[in-house]
PDB file of N, CA and C in Angstrom:
ATOM      1  N   UNK A   1      54.230  76.463  98.158  1.00  0.00           N
ATOM      2  CA  UNK A   1      54.218  77.059  99.487  1.00  0.00           C
ATOM      3  C   UNK A   1      55.647  77.106 100.042  1.00  0.00           C
ATOM      4  N   UNK A   2      56.040  78.267 100.487  1.00  0.00           N
ATOM      5  CA  UNK A   2      57.389  78.452 101.017  1.00  0.00           C
ATOM      6  C   UNK A   2      57.423  78.052 102.488  1.00  0.00           C
ATOM      7  N   UNK A   3      58.418  77.298 102.872  1.00  0.00           N
ATOM      8  CA  UNK A   3      58.541  76.907 104.272  1.00  0.00           C
ATOM      9  C   UNK A   3      59.647  77.716 104.934  1.00  0.00           C
ATOM     10  N   UNK A   4      59.476  77.927 106.216  1.00  0.00           N
ATOM     11  CA  UNK A   4      60.479  78.659 106.986  1.00  0.00           C
ATOM     12  C   UNK A   4      61.683  77.758 107.208  1.00  0.00           C
ATOM     13  N   UNK A   5      62.883  78.287 106.972  1.00  0.00           N
ATOM     14  CA  UNK A   5      64.085  77.488 107.252  1.00  0.00           C
ATOM     15  C   UNK A   5      64.131  77.074 108.725  1.00  0.00           C
ATOM     16  N   UNK A   6      64.689  75.919 108.965  1.00  0.00           N
ATOM     17  CA  UNK A   6      64.826  75.409 110.326  1.00  0.00           C
ATOM     18  C   UNK A   6      66.221  75.751 110.849  1.00  0.00           C
ATOM     19  N   UNK A   7      66.313  75.918 112.154  1.00  0.00           N
ATOM     20  CA  UNK A   7      67.600  76.183 112.786  1.00  0.00           C
ATOM     21  C   UNK A   7      68.390  74.878 112.835  1.00  0.00           C
ATOM     22  N   UNK A   8      69.634  74.947 112.402  1.00  0.00           N
ATOM     23  CA  UNK A   8      70.490  73.761 112.435  1.00  0.00           C
ATOM     24  C   UNK A   8      71.556  73.857 113.519  1.00  0.00           C
ATOM     25  N   UNK A   9      71.822  75.096 113.970  1.00  0.00           N
ATOM     26  CA  UNK A   9      72.892  75.266 114.959  1.00  0.00           C
ATOM     27  C   UNK A   9      72.708  76.593 115.689  1.00  0.00           C
ATOM     28  N   UNK A  10      72.909  76.551 116.989  1.00  0.00           N
ATOM     29  CA  UNK A  10      72.922  77.761 117.811  1.00  0.00           C
ATOM     30  C   UNK A  10      74.255  77.813 118.537  1.00  0.00           C
ATOM     31  N   UNK A  11      74.860  78.986 118.566  1.00  0.00           N
ATOM     32  CA  UNK A  11      76.112  79.144 119.299  1.00  0.00           C
ATOM     33  C   UNK A  11      76.033  80.434 120.102  1.00  0.00           C
ATOM     34  N   UNK A  12      76.088  80.300 121.417  1.00  0.00           N
ATOM     35  CA  UNK A  12      76.061  81.458 122.294  1.00  0.00           C
ATOM     36  C   UNK A  12      77.475  81.989 122.458  1.00  0.00           C
ATOM     37  N   UNK A  13      77.649  83.248 122.145  1.00  0.00           N
ATOM     38  CA  UNK A  13      78.935  83.914 122.322  1.00  0.00           C
ATOM     39  C   UNK A  13      78.783  84.829 123.532  1.00  0.00           C
ATOM     40  N   UNK A  14      79.091  84.286 124.700  1.00  0.00           N
ATOM     41  CA  UNK A  14      78.838  84.987 125.962  1.00  0.00           C
ATOM     42  C   UNK A  14      79.557  86.334 126.062  1.00  0.00           C
ATOM     43  N   UNK A  15      80.823  86.383 125.662  1.00  0.00           N
ATOM     44  CA  UNK A  15      81.589  87.632 125.795  1.00  0.00           C
ATOM     45  C   UNK A  15      80.965  88.767 124.998  1.00  0.00           C
ATOM     46  N   UNK A  16      80.548  88.480 123.783  1.00  0.00           N
ATOM     47  CA  UNK A  16      79.967  89.524 122.937  1.00  0.00           C
ATOM     48  C   UNK A  16      78.446  89.597 123.082  1.00  0.00           C
ATOM     49  N   UNK A  17      77.887  88.717 123.906  1.00  0.00           N
ATOM     50  CA  UNK A  17      76.439  88.681 124.155  1.00  0.00           C
ATOM     51  C   UNK A  17      75.647  88.535 122.856  1.00  0.00           C
ATOM     52  N   UNK A  18      76.060  87.580 122.040  1.00  0.00           N
ATOM     53  CA  UNK A  18      75.404  87.310 120.764  1.00  0.00           C
ATOM     54  C   UNK A  18      75.010  85.845 120.674  1.00  0.00           C
ATOM     55  N   UNK A  19      73.873  85.597 120.031  1.00  0.00           N
ATOM     56  CA  UNK A  19      73.460  84.232 119.724  1.00  0.00           C
ATOM     57  C   UNK A  19      73.581  84.073 118.215  1.00  0.00           C
ATOM     58  N   UNK A  20      74.492  83.197 117.807  1.00  0.00           N
ATOM     59  CA  UNK A  20      74.675  82.921 116.384  1.00  0.00           C
ATOM     60  C   UNK A  20      73.704  81.819 116.000  1.00  0.00           C
ATOM     61  N   UNK A  21      72.976  82.047 114.905  1.00  0.00           N
ATOM     62  CA  UNK A  21      71.933  81.118 114.485  1.00  0.00           C
ATOM     63  C   UNK A  21      72.204  80.702 113.046  1.00  0.00           C
ATOM     64  N   UNK A  22      72.306  79.383 112.809  1.00  0.00           N
ATOM     65  CA  UNK A  22      72.488  78.855 111.460  1.00  0.00           C
ATOM     66  C   UNK A  22      71.191  78.164 111.036  1.00  0.00           C
ATOM     67  N   UNK A  23      70.765  78.432 109.810  1.00  0.00           N
ATOM     68  CA  UNK A  23      69.541  77.857 109.273  1.00  0.00           C
ATOM     69  C   UNK A  23      69.872  76.847 108.177  1.00  0.00           C
ATOM     70  N   UNK A  24      68.917  75.939 107.912  1.00  0.00           N
ATOM     71  CA  UNK A  24      69.160  74.895 106.916  1.00  0.00           C
ATOM     72  C   UNK A  24      69.190  75.407 105.477  1.00  0.00           C
ATOM     73  N   UNK A  25      68.919  76.704 105.279  1.00  0.00           N
ATOM     74  CA  UNK A  25      69.068  77.283 103.936  1.00  0.00           C
ATOM     75  C   UNK A  25      70.466  77.875 103.739  1.00  0.00           C
ATOM     76  N   UNK A  26      71.341  77.688 104.769  1.00  0.00           N
ATOM     77  CA  UNK A  26      72.718  78.166 104.679  1.00  0.00           C
ATOM     78  C   UNK A  26      72.949  79.525 105.314  1.00  0.00           C
ATOM     79  N   UNK A  27      71.883  80.222 105.678  1.00  0.00           N
ATOM     80  CA  UNK A  27      72.027  81.547 106.282  1.00  0.00           C
ATOM     81  C   UNK A  27      72.522  81.423 107.722  1.00  0.00           C
ATOM     82  N   UNK A  28      73.452  82.309 108.092  1.00  0.00           N
ATOM     83  CA  UNK A  28      73.958  82.378 109.463  1.00  0.00           C
ATOM     84  C   UNK A  28      73.832  83.832 109.902  1.00  0.00           C
ATOM     85  N   UNK A  29      73.168  84.049 111.029  1.00  0.00           N
ATOM     86  CA  UNK A  29      72.943  85.399 111.543  1.00  0.00           C
ATOM     87  C   UNK A  29      73.255  85.428 113.035  1.00  0.00           C
ATOM     88  N   UNK A  30      73.480  86.621 113.544  1.00  0.00           N
ATOM     89  CA  UNK A  30      73.681  86.801 114.977  1.00  0.00           C
ATOM     90  C   UNK A  30      72.680  87.820 115.494  1.00  0.00           C
ATOM     91  N   UNK A  31      72.097  87.515 116.642  1.00  0.00           N
ATOM     92  CA  UNK A  31      71.194  88.438 117.312  1.00  0.00           C
ATOM     93  C   UNK A  31      71.727  88.673 118.716  1.00  0.00           C
ATOM     94  N   UNK A  32      71.645  89.906 119.170  1.00  0.00           N
ATOM     95  CA  UNK A  32      72.144  90.201 120.511  1.00  0.00           C
ATOM     96  C   UNK A  32      71.198  89.635 121.564  1.00  0.00           C
ATOM     97  N   UNK A  33      71.753  89.308 122.702  1.00  0.00           N
ATOM     98  CA  UNK A  33      70.943  88.832 123.823  1.00  0.00           C
ATOM     99  C   UNK A  33      69.936  89.906 124.223  1.00  0.00           C
ATOM    100  N   UNK A  34      70.360  91.156 124.162  1.00  0.00           N
ATOM    101  CA  UNK A  34      69.459  92.260 124.484  1.00  0.00           C
ATOM    102  C   UNK A  34      68.254  92.256 123.544  1.00  0.00           C
ATOM    103  N   UNK A  35      68.487  92.127 122.245  1.00  0.00           N
ATOM    104  CA  UNK A  35      67.400  92.099 121.271  1.00  0.00           C
ATOM    105  C   UNK A  35      66.443  90.948 121.581  1.00  0.00           C
ATOM    106  N   UNK A  36      67.001  89.767 121.811  1.00  0.00           N
ATOM    107  CA  UNK A  36      66.168  88.599 122.094  1.00  0.00           C
ATOM    108  C   UNK A  36      65.375  88.771 123.388  1.00  0.00           C
ATOM    109  N   UNK A  37      65.959  89.436 124.362  1.00  0.00           N
ATOM    110  CA  UNK A  37      65.262  89.653 125.643  1.00  0.00           C
ATOM    111  C   UNK A  37      64.132  90.666 125.485  1.00  0.00           C
ATOM    112  N   UNK A  38      64.383  91.773 124.811  1.00  0.00           N
ATOM    113  CA  UNK A  38      63.345  92.801 124.708  1.00  0.00           C
ATOM    114  C   UNK A  38      62.226  92.386 123.761  1.00  0.00           C
ATOM    115  N   UNK A  39      62.511  91.459 122.856  1.00  0.00           N
ATOM    116  CA  UNK A  39      61.472  90.935 121.960  1.00  0.00           C
ATOM    117  C   UNK A  39      61.046  89.524 122.367  1.00  0.00           C
ATOM    118  N   UNK A  40      61.161  89.201 123.623  1.00  0.00           N
ATOM    119  CA  UNK A  40      60.744  87.888 124.115  1.00  0.00           C
ATOM    120  C   UNK A  40      59.288  87.615 123.737  1.00  0.00           C
ATOM    121  N   UNK A  41      59.005  86.405 123.264  1.00  0.00           N
ATOM    122  CA  UNK A  41      57.630  86.064 122.912  1.00  0.00           C
ATOM    123  C   UNK A  41      56.766  85.682 124.126  1.00  0.00           C
ATOM    124  N   UNK A  42      57.254  85.927 125.308  1.00  0.00           N
ATOM    125  CA  UNK A  42      56.525  85.529 126.522  1.00  0.00           C
ATOM    126  C   UNK A  42      55.260  86.353 126.733  1.00  0.00           C
ATOM    127  N   UNK A  43      54.308  85.768 127.430  1.00  0.00           N
ATOM    128  CA  UNK A  43      53.079  86.478 127.790  1.00  0.00           C
ATOM    129  C   UNK A  43      53.403  87.659 128.695  1.00  0.00           C
ATOM    130  N   UNK A  44      54.438  87.509 129.508  1.00  0.00           N
ATOM    131  CA  UNK A  44      54.863  88.589 130.414  1.00  0.00           C
ATOM    132  C   UNK A  44      55.199  89.857 129.639  1.00  0.00           C
ATOM    133  N   UNK A  45      55.842  89.719 128.506  1.00  0.00           N
ATOM    134  CA  UNK A  45      56.231  90.867 127.688  1.00  0.00           C
ATOM    135  C   UNK A  45      55.072  91.314 126.789  1.00  0.00           C
ATOM    136  N   UNK A  46      54.319  90.373 126.257  1.00  0.00           N
ATOM    137  CA  UNK A  46      53.276  90.712 125.290  1.00  0.00           C
ATOM    138  C   UNK A  46      51.971  91.187 125.903  1.00  0.00           C
ATOM    139  N   UNK A  47      51.744  90.922 127.163  1.00  0.00           N
ATOM    140  CA  UNK A  47      50.585  91.466 127.885  1.00  0.00           C
ATOM    141  C   UNK A  47      49.291  91.448 127.064  1.00  0.00           C
ATOM    142  N   UNK A  48      48.922  90.296 126.544  1.00  0.00           N
ATOM    143  CA  UNK A  48      47.660  90.125 125.809  1.00  0.00           C
ATOM    144  C   UNK A  48      47.510  91.106 124.646  1.00  0.00           C
ATOM    145  N   UNK A  49      48.558  91.210 123.831  1.00  0.00           N
ATOM    146  CA  UNK A  49      48.495  92.058 122.645  1.00  0.00           C
ATOM    147  C   UNK A  49      48.923  93.500 122.852  1.00  0.00           C
ATOM    148  N   UNK A  50      49.278  93.852 124.072  1.00  0.00           N
ATOM    149  CA  UNK A  50      49.736  95.204 124.367  1.00  0.00           C
ATOM    150  C   UNK A  50      51.145  95.103 124.962  1.00  0.00           C
ATOM    151  N   UNK A  51      52.151  94.904 124.089  1.00  0.00           N
ATOM    152  CA  UNK A  51      53.513  94.640 124.580  1.00  0.00           C
ATOM    153  C   UNK A  51      54.065  95.753 125.470  1.00  0.00           C
ATOM    154  N   UNK A  52      54.732  95.328 126.525  1.00  0.00           N
ATOM    155  CA  UNK A  52      55.383  96.301 127.406  1.00  0.00           C
ATOM    156  C   UNK A  52      56.733  96.683 126.805  1.00  0.00           C
ATOM    157  N   UNK A  53      57.231  97.820 127.196  1.00  0.00           N
ATOM    158  CA  UNK A  53      58.555  98.261 126.775  1.00  0.00           C
ATOM    159  C   UNK A  53      59.559  97.738 127.794  1.00  0.00           C
ATOM    160  N   UNK A  54      60.399  96.817 127.362  1.00  0.00           N
ATOM    161  CA  UNK A  54      61.419  96.230 128.236  1.00  0.00           C
ATOM    162  C   UNK A  54      62.645  97.130 128.186  1.00  0.00           C
ATOM    163  N   UNK A  55      63.084  97.600 129.337  1.00  0.00           N
ATOM    164  CA  UNK A  55      64.197  98.548 129.401  1.00  0.00           C
ATOM    165  C   UNK A  55      65.349  97.995 130.231  1.00  0.00           C
ATOM    166  N   UNK A  56      66.471  98.683 130.164  1.00  0.00           N
ATOM    167  CA  UNK A  56      67.653  98.409 130.996  1.00  0.00           C
ATOM    168  C   UNK A  56      68.235  97.008 130.757  1.00  0.00           C
ATOM    169  N   UNK A  57      68.254  96.557 129.514  1.00  0.00           N
ATOM    170  CA  UNK A  57      68.737  95.203 129.214  1.00  0.00           C
ATOM    171  C   UNK A  57      69.987  95.175 128.347  1.00  0.00           C
ATOM    172  N   UNK A  58      70.696  96.292 128.258  1.00  0.00           N
ATOM    173  CA  UNK A  58      71.887  96.365 127.407  1.00  0.00           C
ATOM    174  C   UNK A  58      72.908  95.281 127.739  1.00  0.00           C
ATOM    175  N   UNK A  59      73.066  94.967 129.020  1.00  0.00           N
ATOM    176  CA  UNK A  59      74.089  94.008 129.435  1.00  0.00           C
ATOM    177  C   UNK A  59      73.551  92.620 129.739  1.00  0.00           C
ATOM    178  N   UNK A  60      72.287  92.347 129.385  1.00  0.00           N
ATOM    179  CA  UNK A  60      71.714  91.035 129.676  1.00  0.00           C
ATOM    180  C   UNK A  60      72.422  89.970 128.834  1.00  0.00           C
ATOM    181  N   UNK A  61      72.479  88.769 129.383  1.00  0.00           N
ATOM    182  CA  UNK A  61      73.089  87.656 128.673  1.00  0.00           C
ATOM    183  C   UNK A  61      72.185  86.447 128.797  1.00  0.00           C
ATOM    184  N   UNK A  62      72.442  85.464 127.988  1.00  0.00           N
ATOM    185  CA  UNK A  62      71.713  84.201 128.070  1.00  0.00           C
ATOM    186  C   UNK A  62      72.535  83.274 128.945  1.00  0.00           C
ATOM    187  N   UNK A  63      71.884  82.687 129.951  1.00  0.00           N
ATOM    188  CA  UNK A  63      72.609  81.771 130.833  1.00  0.00           C
ATOM    189  C   UNK A  63      72.399  80.313 130.452  1.00  0.00           C
ATOM    190  N   UNK A  64      71.300  80.007 129.731  1.00  0.00           N
ATOM    191  CA  UNK A  64      71.049  78.633 129.300  1.00  0.00           C
ATOM    192  C   UNK A  64      70.097  78.619 128.114  1.00  0.00           C
ATOM    193  N   UNK A  65      70.212  77.560 127.323  1.00  0.00           N
ATOM    194  CA  UNK A  65      69.331  77.343 126.176  1.00  0.00           C
ATOM    195  C   UNK A  65      68.791  75.931 126.289  1.00  0.00           C
ATOM    196  N   UNK A  66      67.462  75.796 126.248  1.00  0.00           N
ATOM    197  CA  UNK A  66      66.827  74.485 126.338  1.00  0.00           C
ATOM    198  C   UNK A  66      65.995  74.261 125.081  1.00  0.00           C
ATOM    199  N   UNK A  67      66.139  73.077 124.470  1.00  0.00           N
ATOM    200  CA  UNK A  67      65.333  72.783 123.290  1.00  0.00           C
ATOM    201  C   UNK A  67      63.889  72.521 123.707  1.00  0.00           C
ATOM    202  N   UNK A  68      62.983  72.897 122.818  1.00  0.00           N
ATOM    203  CA  UNK A  68      61.556  72.663 123.019  1.00  0.00           C
ATOM    204  C   UNK A  68      61.073  71.891 121.796  1.00  0.00           C
ATOM    205  N   UNK A  69      60.884  70.596 121.970  1.00  0.00           N
ATOM    206  CA  UNK A  69      60.472  69.752 120.848  1.00  0.00           C
ATOM    207  C   UNK A  69      61.429  69.878 119.682  1.00  0.00           C
ATOM    208  N   UNK A  70      60.859  69.838 118.481  1.00  0.00           N
ATOM    209  CA  UNK A  70      61.656  69.988 117.257  1.00  0.00           C
ATOM    210  C   UNK A  70      61.397  71.335 116.606  1.00  0.00           C
ATOM    211  N   UNK A  71      60.832  72.276 117.380  1.00  0.00           N
ATOM    212  CA  UNK A  71      60.404  73.519 116.759  1.00  0.00           C
ATOM    213  C   UNK A  71      60.986  74.788 117.370  1.00  0.00           C
ATOM    214  N   UNK A  72      61.735  74.687 118.470  1.00  0.00           N
ATOM    215  CA  UNK A  72      62.246  75.921 119.044  1.00  0.00           C
ATOM    216  C   UNK A  72      63.096  75.720 120.275  1.00  0.00           C
ATOM    217  N   UNK A  73      63.364  76.837 120.949  1.00  0.00           N
ATOM    218  CA  UNK A  73      64.172  76.821 122.165  1.00  0.00           C
ATOM    219  C   UNK A  73      63.581  77.773 123.204  1.00  0.00           C
ATOM    220  N   UNK A  74      63.898  77.466 124.430  1.00  0.00           N
ATOM    221  CA  UNK A  74      63.585  78.353 125.550  1.00  0.00           C
ATOM    222  C   UNK A  74      64.911  78.986 125.946  1.00  0.00           C
ATOM    223  N   UNK A  75      64.947  80.308 125.941  1.00  0.00           N
ATOM    224  CA  UNK A  75      66.166  81.017 126.332  1.00  0.00           C
ATOM    225  C   UNK A  75      66.008  81.471 127.780  1.00  0.00           C
ATOM    226  N   UNK A  76      67.006  81.171 128.574  1.00  0.00           N
ATOM    227  CA  UNK A  76      67.001  81.576 129.976  1.00  0.00           C
ATOM    228  C   UNK A  76      68.048  82.674 130.125  1.00  0.00           C
ATOM    229  N   UNK A  77      67.569  83.844 130.532  1.00  0.00           N
ATOM    230  CA  UNK A  77      68.432  85.012 130.630  1.00  0.00           C
ATOM    231  C   UNK A  77      68.953  85.179 132.045  1.00  0.00           C
ATOM    232  N   UNK A  78      70.082  85.868 132.165  1.00  0.00           N
ATOM    233  CA  UNK A  78      70.692  86.051 133.487  1.00  0.00           C
ATOM    234  C   UNK A  78      69.959  87.057 134.369  1.00  0.00           C
ATOM    235  N   UNK A  79      68.869  87.659 133.848  1.00  0.00           N
ATOM    236  CA  UNK A  79      68.025  88.508 134.695  1.00  0.00           C
ATOM    237  C   UNK A  79      66.819  87.716 135.217  1.00  0.00           C
ATOM    238  N   UNK A  80      66.883  86.384 135.083  1.00  0.00           N
ATOM    239  CA  UNK A  80      65.873  85.424 135.544  1.00  0.00           C
ATOM    240  C   UNK A  80      64.675  85.282 134.613  1.00  0.00           C
ATOM    241  N   UNK A  81      64.641  85.995 133.500  1.00  0.00           N
ATOM    242  CA  UNK A  81      63.536  85.830 132.550  1.00  0.00           C
ATOM    243  C   UNK A  81      63.715  84.499 131.835  1.00  0.00           C
ATOM    244  N   UNK A  82      62.670  83.658 131.854  1.00  0.00           N
ATOM    245  CA  UNK A  82      62.801  82.332 131.243  1.00  0.00           C
ATOM    246  C   UNK A  82      61.485  81.790 130.691  1.00  0.00           C
ATOM    247  N   UNK A  83      60.550  82.673 130.347  1.00  0.00           N
ATOM    248  CA  UNK A  83      59.235  82.182 129.951  1.00  0.00           C
ATOM    249  C   UNK A  83      58.935  82.258 128.455  1.00  0.00           C
ATOM    250  N   UNK A  84      59.844  82.729 127.652  1.00  0.00           N
ATOM    251  CA  UNK A  84      59.573  82.819 126.218  1.00  0.00           C
ATOM    252  C   UNK A  84      60.064  81.598 125.466  1.00  0.00           C
ATOM    253  N   UNK A  85      59.240  81.113 124.536  1.00  0.00           N
ATOM    254  CA  UNK A  85      59.664  80.027 123.653  1.00  0.00           C
ATOM    255  C   UNK A  85      59.867  80.622 122.262  1.00  0.00           C
ATOM    256  N   UNK A  86      61.086  80.490 121.772  1.00  0.00           N
ATOM    257  CA  UNK A  86      61.489  81.054 120.490  1.00  0.00           C
ATOM    258  C   UNK A  86      61.432  79.939 119.445  1.00  0.00           C
ATOM    259  N   UNK A  87      60.398  79.962 118.613  1.00  0.00           N
ATOM    260  CA  UNK A  87      60.273  78.955 117.557  1.00  0.00           C
ATOM    261  C   UNK A  87      61.296  79.249 116.463  1.00  0.00           C
ATOM    262  N   UNK A  88      61.573  78.242 115.643  1.00  0.00           N
ATOM    263  CA  UNK A  88      62.494  78.462 114.522  1.00  0.00           C
ATOM    264  C   UNK A  88      61.936  79.558 113.614  1.00  0.00           C
ATOM    265  N   UNK A  89      60.620  79.553 113.427  1.00  0.00           N
ATOM    266  CA  UNK A  89      59.969  80.556 112.593  1.00  0.00           C
ATOM    267  C   UNK A  89      60.177  81.966 113.156  1.00  0.00           C
ATOM    268  N   UNK A  90      60.013  82.119 114.458  1.00  0.00           N
ATOM    269  CA  UNK A  90      60.210  83.427 115.081  1.00  0.00           C
ATOM    270  C   UNK A  90      61.660  83.882 114.956  1.00  0.00           C
ATOM    271  N   UNK A  91      62.604  82.987 115.214  1.00  0.00           N
ATOM    272  CA  UNK A  91      64.018  83.352 115.084  1.00  0.00           C
ATOM    273  C   UNK A  91      64.338  83.780 113.654  1.00  0.00           C
ATOM    274  N   UNK A  92      63.758  83.085 112.680  1.00  0.00           N
ATOM    275  CA  UNK A  92      63.987  83.463 111.286  1.00  0.00           C
ATOM    276  C   UNK A  92      63.386  84.843 111.001  1.00  0.00           C
ATOM    277  N   UNK A  93      62.170  85.085 111.495  1.00  0.00           N
ATOM    278  CA  UNK A  93      61.549  86.406 111.326  1.00  0.00           C
ATOM    279  C   UNK A  93      62.415  87.494 111.960  1.00  0.00           C
ATOM    280  N   UNK A  94      62.955  87.205 113.136  1.00  0.00           N
ATOM    281  CA  UNK A  94      63.829  88.176 113.801  1.00  0.00           C
ATOM    282  C   UNK A  94      65.041  88.499 112.938  1.00  0.00           C
ATOM    283  N   UNK A  95      65.650  87.477 112.339  1.00  0.00           N
ATOM    284  CA  UNK A  95      66.846  87.739 111.525  1.00  0.00           C
ATOM    285  C   UNK A  95      66.491  88.518 110.264  1.00  0.00           C
ATOM    286  N   UNK A  96      65.333  88.244 109.697  1.00  0.00           N
ATOM    287  CA  UNK A  96      64.922  88.914 108.468  1.00  0.00           C
ATOM    288  C   UNK A  96      64.489  90.368 108.704  1.00  0.00           C
ATOM    289  N   UNK A  97      63.992  90.662 109.892  1.00  0.00           N
ATOM    290  CA  UNK A  97      63.455  91.992 110.199  1.00  0.00           C
ATOM    291  C   UNK A  97      64.225  92.700 111.308  1.00  0.00           C
ATOM    292  N   UNK A  98      65.448  92.268 111.559  1.00  0.00           N
ATOM    293  CA  UNK A  98      66.221  92.765 112.687  1.00  0.00           C
ATOM    294  C   UNK A  98      66.351  94.288 112.686  1.00  0.00           C
ATOM    295  N   UNK A  99      66.795  94.863 111.576  1.00  0.00           N
ATOM    296  CA  UNK A  99      67.034  96.314 111.530  1.00  0.00           C
ATOM    297  C   UNK A  99      65.774  97.104 111.847  1.00  0.00           C
ATOM    298  N   UNK A 100      64.675  96.737 111.232  1.00  0.00           N
ATOM    299  CA  UNK A 100      63.406  97.437 111.444  1.00  0.00           C
ATOM    300  C   UNK A 100      62.943  97.284 112.896  1.00  0.00           C
ATOM    301  N   UNK A 101      63.019  96.078 113.429  1.00  0.00           N
ATOM    302  CA  UNK A 101      62.607  95.842 114.815  1.00  0.00           C
ATOM    303  C   UNK A 101      63.496  96.602 115.798  1.00  0.00           C
ATOM    304  N   UNK A 102      64.798  96.602 115.539  1.00  0.00           N
ATOM    305  CA  UNK A 102      65.731  97.298 116.443  1.00  0.00           C
ATOM    306  C   UNK A 102      65.462  98.800 116.428  1.00  0.00           C
ATOM    307  N   UNK A 103      65.277  99.365 115.244  1.00  0.00           N
ATOM    308  CA  UNK A 103      64.984 100.799 115.148  1.00  0.00           C
ATOM    309  C   UNK A 103      63.665 101.139 115.839  1.00  0.00           C
ATOM    310  N   UNK A 104      62.693 100.280 115.701  1.00  0.00           N
ATOM    311  CA  UNK A 104      61.408 100.483 116.369  1.00  0.00           C
ATOM    312  C   UNK A 104      61.592 100.486 117.883  1.00  0.00           C
ATOM    313  N   UNK A 105      62.418  99.565 118.379  1.00  0.00           N
ATOM    314  CA  UNK A 105      62.703  99.497 119.810  1.00  0.00           C
ATOM    315  C   UNK A 105      63.396 100.781 120.290  1.00  0.00           C
ATOM    316  N   UNK A 106      64.408 101.222 119.562  1.00  0.00           N
ATOM    317  CA  UNK A 106      65.128 102.441 119.946  1.00  0.00           C
ATOM    318  C   UNK A 106      64.205 103.661 119.935  1.00  0.00           C
ATOM    319  N   UNK A 107      63.307 103.711 118.977  1.00  0.00           N
ATOM    320  CA  UNK A 107      62.333 104.809 118.911  1.00  0.00           C
ATOM    321  C   UNK A 107      61.394 104.770 120.106  1.00  0.00           C
ATOM    322  N   UNK A 108      60.929 103.579 120.462  1.00  0.00           N
ATOM    323  CA  UNK A 108      60.045 103.452 121.629  1.00  0.00           C
ATOM    324  C   UNK A 108      60.768 103.884 122.909  1.00  0.00           C
ATOM    325  N   UNK A 109      62.034 103.512 123.023  1.00  0.00           N
ATOM    326  CA  UNK A 109      62.808 103.942 124.191  1.00  0.00           C
ATOM    327  C   UNK A 109      62.860 105.468 124.255  1.00  0.00           C
ATOM    328  N   UNK A 110      63.207 106.075 123.134  1.00  0.00           N
ATOM    329  CA  UNK A 110      63.334 107.534 123.080  1.00  0.00           C
ATOM    330  C   UNK A 110      61.999 108.212 123.397  1.00  0.00           C
ATOM    331  N   UNK A 111      60.930 107.730 122.783  1.00  0.00           N
ATOM    332  CA  UNK A 111      59.604 108.314 122.990  1.00  0.00           C
ATOM    333  C   UNK A 111      59.140 108.212 124.441  1.00  0.00           C
ATOM    334  N   UNK A 112      59.636 107.195 125.148  1.00  0.00           N
ATOM    335  CA  UNK A 112      59.237 106.968 126.543  1.00  0.00           C
ATOM    336  C   UNK A 112      60.291 107.441 127.541  1.00  0.00           C
ATOM    337  N   UNK A 113      61.319 108.140 127.049  1.00  0.00           N
ATOM    338  CA  UNK A 113      62.415 108.627 127.904  1.00  0.00           C
ATOM    339  C   UNK A 113      62.977 107.486 128.751  1.00  0.00           C
ATOM    340  N   UNK A 114      63.162 106.353 128.088  1.00  0.00           N
ATOM    341  CA  UNK A 114      63.664 105.154 128.763  1.00  0.00           C
ATOM    342  C   UNK A 114      65.091 104.875 128.298  1.00  0.00           C
ATOM    343  N   UNK A 115      65.708 103.889 128.924  1.00  0.00           N
ATOM    344  CA  UNK A 115      67.118 103.615 128.658  1.00  0.00           C
ATOM    345  C   UNK A 115      67.394 102.135 128.470  1.00  0.00           C
ATOM    346  N   UNK A 116      68.413 101.854 127.666  1.00  0.00           N
ATOM    347  CA  UNK A 116      68.927 100.498 127.514  1.00  0.00           C
ATOM    348  C   UNK A 116      69.909 100.168 128.638  1.00  0.00           C
ATOM    349  N   UNK A 117      70.496 101.186 129.218  1.00  0.00           N
ATOM    350  CA  UNK A 117      71.553 100.987 130.216  1.00  0.00           C
ATOM    351  C   UNK A 117      71.047 100.203 131.419  1.00  0.00           C
ATOM    352  N   UNK A 118      71.901  99.340 131.928  1.00  0.00           N
ATOM    353  CA  UNK A 118      71.547  98.523 133.081  1.00  0.00           C
ATOM    354  C   UNK A 118      71.369  99.388 134.322  1.00  0.00           C
ATOM    355  N   UNK A 119      70.459  98.968 135.155  1.00  0.00           N
ATOM    356  CA  UNK A 119      70.289  99.636 136.448  1.00  0.00           C
ATOM    357  C   UNK A 119      71.265  98.990 137.417  1.00  0.00           C
ATOM    358  N   UNK A 120      72.276  99.731 137.784  1.00  0.00           N
ATOM    359  CA  UNK A 120      73.307  99.201 138.681  1.00  0.00           C
ATOM    360  C   UNK A 120      73.275 100.022 139.960  1.00  0.00           C
ATOM    361  N   UNK A 121      73.073  99.358 141.083  1.00  0.00           N
ATOM    362  CA  UNK A 121      73.067 100.121 142.336  1.00  0.00           C
ATOM    363  C   UNK A 121      74.439 100.756 142.576  1.00  0.00           C
ATOM    364  N   UNK A 122      74.418 101.941 143.082  1.00  0.00           N
ATOM    365  CA  UNK A 122      75.655 102.650 143.400  1.00  0.00           C
ATOM    366  C   UNK A 122      76.385 101.906 144.520  1.00  0.00           C
ATOM    367  N   UNK A 123      77.651 101.704 144.328  1.00  0.00           N
ATOM    368  CA  UNK A 123      78.455 101.083 145.367  1.00  0.00           C
ATOM    369  C   UNK A 123      78.818 102.153 146.398  1.00  0.00           C
ATOM    370  N   UNK A 124      78.577 101.841 147.610  1.00  0.00           N
ATOM    371  CA  UNK A 124      78.931 102.787 148.683  1.00  0.00           C
ATOM    372  C   UNK A 124      80.240 102.330 149.300  1.00  0.00           C
ATOM    373  N   UNK A 125      81.187 103.208 149.243  1.00  0.00           N
ATOM    374  CA  UNK A 125      82.502 102.876 149.780  1.00  0.00           C
ATOM    375  C   UNK A 125      82.556 103.338 151.231  1.00  0.00           C
ATOM    376  N   UNK A 126      82.865 102.386 152.073  1.00  0.00           N
ATOM    377  CA  UNK A 126      82.956 102.682 153.487  1.00  0.00           C
ATOM    378  C   UNK A 126      84.414 102.876 153.860  1.00  0.00           C
ATOM    379  N   UNK A 127      84.711 104.015 154.404  1.00  0.00           N
ATOM    380  CA  UNK A 127      86.076 104.276 154.863  1.00  0.00           C
ATOM    381  C   UNK A 127      86.035 104.523 156.358  1.00  0.00           C
ATOM    382  N   UNK A 128      86.630 103.637 157.145  1.00  0.00           N
ATOM    383  CA  UNK A 128      86.615 103.826 158.607  1.00  0.00           C
ATOM    384  C   UNK A 128      87.481 104.963 159.043  1.00  0.00           C
TER     385      UNK A 128
END
């Protein structure tokens, strides 16, 4: 029986918005904060088996990482999302299927005429 590699190290690269993940099999991968946010394992995103399309998260970042037992982490994002628990198994699946999952996400965005771009309120310049 094959076991899923365990995470041995996480390193958040805030500037590049990447989470570097090292596994006990020697593999080291990076996943974007945006990818991790749009594929959050939270009930809020999964809606009882009917996942919602999470949009406008291109610039999202992780503000904190909390360990959950010996099996995963809770990622707290700077958009206040903090309800997903990312098991070591899920993180490994994400690294193994990243390209396919990312392409699926981009296709869903296109099919729904949605955007990755952040929603930024227009700044109104006041000139007296």
